[in-house]
Amino acid sequence: MKFVLSEEQRMFAGTLRRLLAEAGTAKTVRAWAAGDHGPGRALWSALAEAGLFAVAVPEEHDGAGLLPVELVAAMEEVGRAAAPGPYVETLAAAELLARSGGAELLAGIAAGTAMVTLGVPHALDAAPPTPSSGRTGRARGPPAAR
């Protein structure tokens, strides 16, 4: 089977590629590691404006719709540039939230104002939270980090 991106999909990927090249991801990574999050946040915002996060959010939550081919093209560009940030985690969370009713976060993800990640329930110190407990738990990390 031969798979070819449409012209619109190629244009979307090209836009992301140019944004990432202009951002200088190596400098952005070094700045982030030194505690300067400004360049990383600016890159995040620019990619959000280009529609990176919207492709993982349904239209009814201010996204572009769940567009898996565009999502793959976008992640290829983010990976090619080694862009710093929780891009994959946020997009994966958007997909899960769209399927499980997490509407309150989806518009923020689509707009790039919410950075979201995933947690593994069994890695929590406390018992799983209940609606009445008000606890969210705390990640323990791998045994080597303790």
Protein backbone atom coordinates (compact mmCIF):
# COMPACT_ATOMS: atom_id res chain seq x y z
CA MET A 1 0.00 0.00 0.00
CA LYS A 2 1.35 3.39 -0.96
CA PHE A 3 0.69 6.20 1.49
CA VAL A 4 1.09 9.83 0.42
CA LEU A 5 0.23 12.96 2.39
CA SER A 6 -2.22 15.37 0.82
CA GLU A 7 -1.03 18.85 -0.20
CA GLU A 8 -2.70 20.34 2.90
CA GLN A 9 -1.01 17.79 5.17
CA ARG A 10 2.39 18.49 3.58
CA MET A 11 1.84 22.24 4.06
CA PHE A 12 0.97 21.69 7.74
CA ALA A 13 4.11 19.60 8.30
CA GLY A 14 6.19 22.17 6.41
CA THR A 15 4.87 24.99 8.57
CA LEU A 16 5.84 23.09 11.72
CA ARG A 17 9.26 22.25 10.26
CA ARG A 18 9.96 25.94 9.54
CA LEU A 19 8.77 27.04 13.01
CA LEU A 20 10.97 24.46 14.67
CA ALA A 21 14.00 25.35 12.54
CA GLU A 22 13.57 29.07 13.27
CA ALA A 23 13.21 28.39 17.00
CA GLY A 24 16.67 26.86 17.26
CA THR A 25 15.66 23.88 19.38
CA ALA A 26 19.23 23.20 20.57
CA LYS A 27 19.38 26.70 22.13
CA THR A 28 15.89 26.20 23.54
CA VAL A 29 16.91 22.92 25.20
CA ARG A 30 20.05 24.51 26.70
CA ALA A 31 18.02 27.47 28.02
CA TRP A 32 15.43 25.13 29.56
CA ALA A 33 18.16 23.08 31.25
CA ALA A 34 19.63 26.31 32.66
CA GLY A 35 16.27 27.26 34.16
CA ASP A 36 15.16 29.73 31.46
CA HIS A 37 11.79 28.44 30.30
CA GLY A 38 10.99 31.49 28.14
CA PRO A 39 12.23 30.10 24.81
CA GLY A 40 10.53 26.73 25.42
CA ARG A 41 7.21 28.39 26.27
CA ALA A 42 7.52 30.65 23.22
CA LEU A 43 8.06 27.58 21.02
CA TRP A 44 5.09 25.85 22.66
CA SER A 45 2.88 28.88 21.90
CA ALA A 46 4.07 29.15 18.30
CA LEU A 47 3.37 25.47 17.67
CA ALA A 48 -0.06 25.83 19.29
CA GLU A 49 -0.86 28.76 17.00
CA ALA A 50 0.18 26.61 14.03
CA GLY A 51 -2.38 23.99 15.13
CA LEU A 52 -0.16 21.30 16.61
CA PHE A 53 -2.42 20.56 19.58
CA ALA A 54 -5.71 21.22 17.80
CA VAL A 55 -5.27 18.09 15.66
CA ALA A 56 -5.78 15.91 18.76
CA VAL A 57 -8.87 17.72 20.06
CA PRO A 58 -12.44 17.29 18.78
CA GLU A 59 -14.06 20.29 17.07
CA GLU A 60 -16.70 20.64 19.79
CA HIS A 61 -13.85 21.48 22.20
CA ASP A 62 -12.22 24.13 19.96
CA GLY A 63 -9.94 21.69 18.19
CA ALA A 64 -9.53 20.82 14.54
CA GLY A 65 -11.04 17.39 15.04
CA LEU A 66 -9.26 14.14 15.71
CA LEU A 67 -6.91 14.08 12.73
CA PRO A 68 -4.57 11.08 13.09
CA VAL A 69 -2.63 11.58 9.84
CA GLU A 70 -1.91 15.22 10.66
CA LEU A 71 -0.96 14.18 14.17
CA VAL A 72 1.60 11.68 12.85
CA ALA A 73 3.01 14.28 10.43
CA ALA A 74 3.27 16.79 13.29
CA MET A 75 4.99 14.37 15.66
CA GLU A 76 7.47 13.45 12.94
CA GLU A 77 8.48 17.12 12.71
CA VAL A 78 8.63 17.60 16.49
CA GLY A 79 10.80 14.48 16.77
CA ARG A 80 13.03 15.49 13.86
CA ALA A 81 13.76 18.80 15.64
CA ALA A 82 14.13 17.17 19.08
CA ALA A 83 11.83 19.85 20.45
CA PRO A 84 11.85 20.06 24.26
CA GLY A 85 8.58 19.76 26.12
CA PRO A 86 5.75 17.36 26.87
CA TYR A 87 4.33 17.39 23.33
CA VAL A 88 3.68 13.67 23.03
CA GLU A 89 2.31 13.48 26.57
CA THR A 90 -0.08 16.39 26.01
CA LEU A 91 -1.33 14.97 22.71
CA ALA A 92 -1.80 11.51 24.22
CA ALA A 93 -3.68 13.03 27.15
CA ALA A 94 -5.90 14.97 24.72
CA GLU A 95 -6.82 11.76 22.95
CA LEU A 96 -7.66 10.03 26.22
CA LEU A 97 -9.60 13.04 27.56
CA ALA A 98 -11.60 13.26 24.33
CA ARG A 99 -12.63 9.63 24.75
CA SER A 100 -13.29 9.77 28.50
CA GLY A 101 -15.11 13.05 28.97
CA GLY A 102 -12.35 15.38 30.14
CA ALA A 103 -13.84 18.36 28.33
CA GLU A 104 -12.65 20.96 30.83
CA LEU A 105 -9.03 20.58 29.67
CA LEU A 106 -9.52 20.02 25.94
CA ALA A 107 -10.00 23.66 24.89
CA GLY A 108 -6.84 24.61 26.79
CA ILE A 109 -4.91 21.83 25.08
CA ALA A 110 -6.13 22.92 21.65
CA ALA A 111 -5.11 26.53 22.37
CA GLY A 112 -1.75 25.51 23.85
CA THR A 113 -2.52 27.04 27.24
CA ALA A 114 -2.57 23.66 29.02
CA MET A 115 0.42 21.34 29.32
CA VAL A 116 -0.92 17.96 30.33
CA THR A 117 0.78 14.69 31.12
CA LEU A 118 -0.24 11.22 32.21
CA GLY A 119 0.31 9.45 35.49
CA VAL A 120 0.32 5.78 36.39
CA PRO A 121 -2.09 5.13 39.29
CA HIS A 122 0.00 2.39 40.91
CA ALA A 123 2.96 4.79 41.18
CA LEU A 124 1.21 6.95 43.75
CA ASP A 125 2.31 7.08 47.39
CA ALA A 126 -1.23 7.57 48.67
CA ALA A 127 -4.29 5.46 48.10
CA PRO A 128 -6.08 6.36 44.88
CA PRO A 129 -7.97 9.63 45.34
CA THR A 130 -11.70 9.66 45.79
CA PRO A 131 -13.96 12.58 44.94
CA SER A 132 -14.42 13.33 48.63
CA SER A 133 -10.75 12.96 49.68
CA GLY A 134 -9.40 15.94 47.77
CA ARG A 135 -6.10 14.05 47.34
CA THR A 136 -4.36 13.82 44.03
CA GLY A 137 -1.45 11.60 45.04
CA ARG A 138 2.26 12.09 44.54
CA ALA A 139 4.45 10.25 42.08
CA ARG A 140 7.17 8.19 43.74
CA GLY A 141 9.43 7.71 40.77
CA PRO A 142 11.47 4.62 39.95
CA PRO A 143 13.21 2.75 42.78
CA ALA A 144 16.62 4.08 41.72
CA ALA A 145 15.39 7.66 42.25
CA ARG A 146 14.27 7.05 45.85
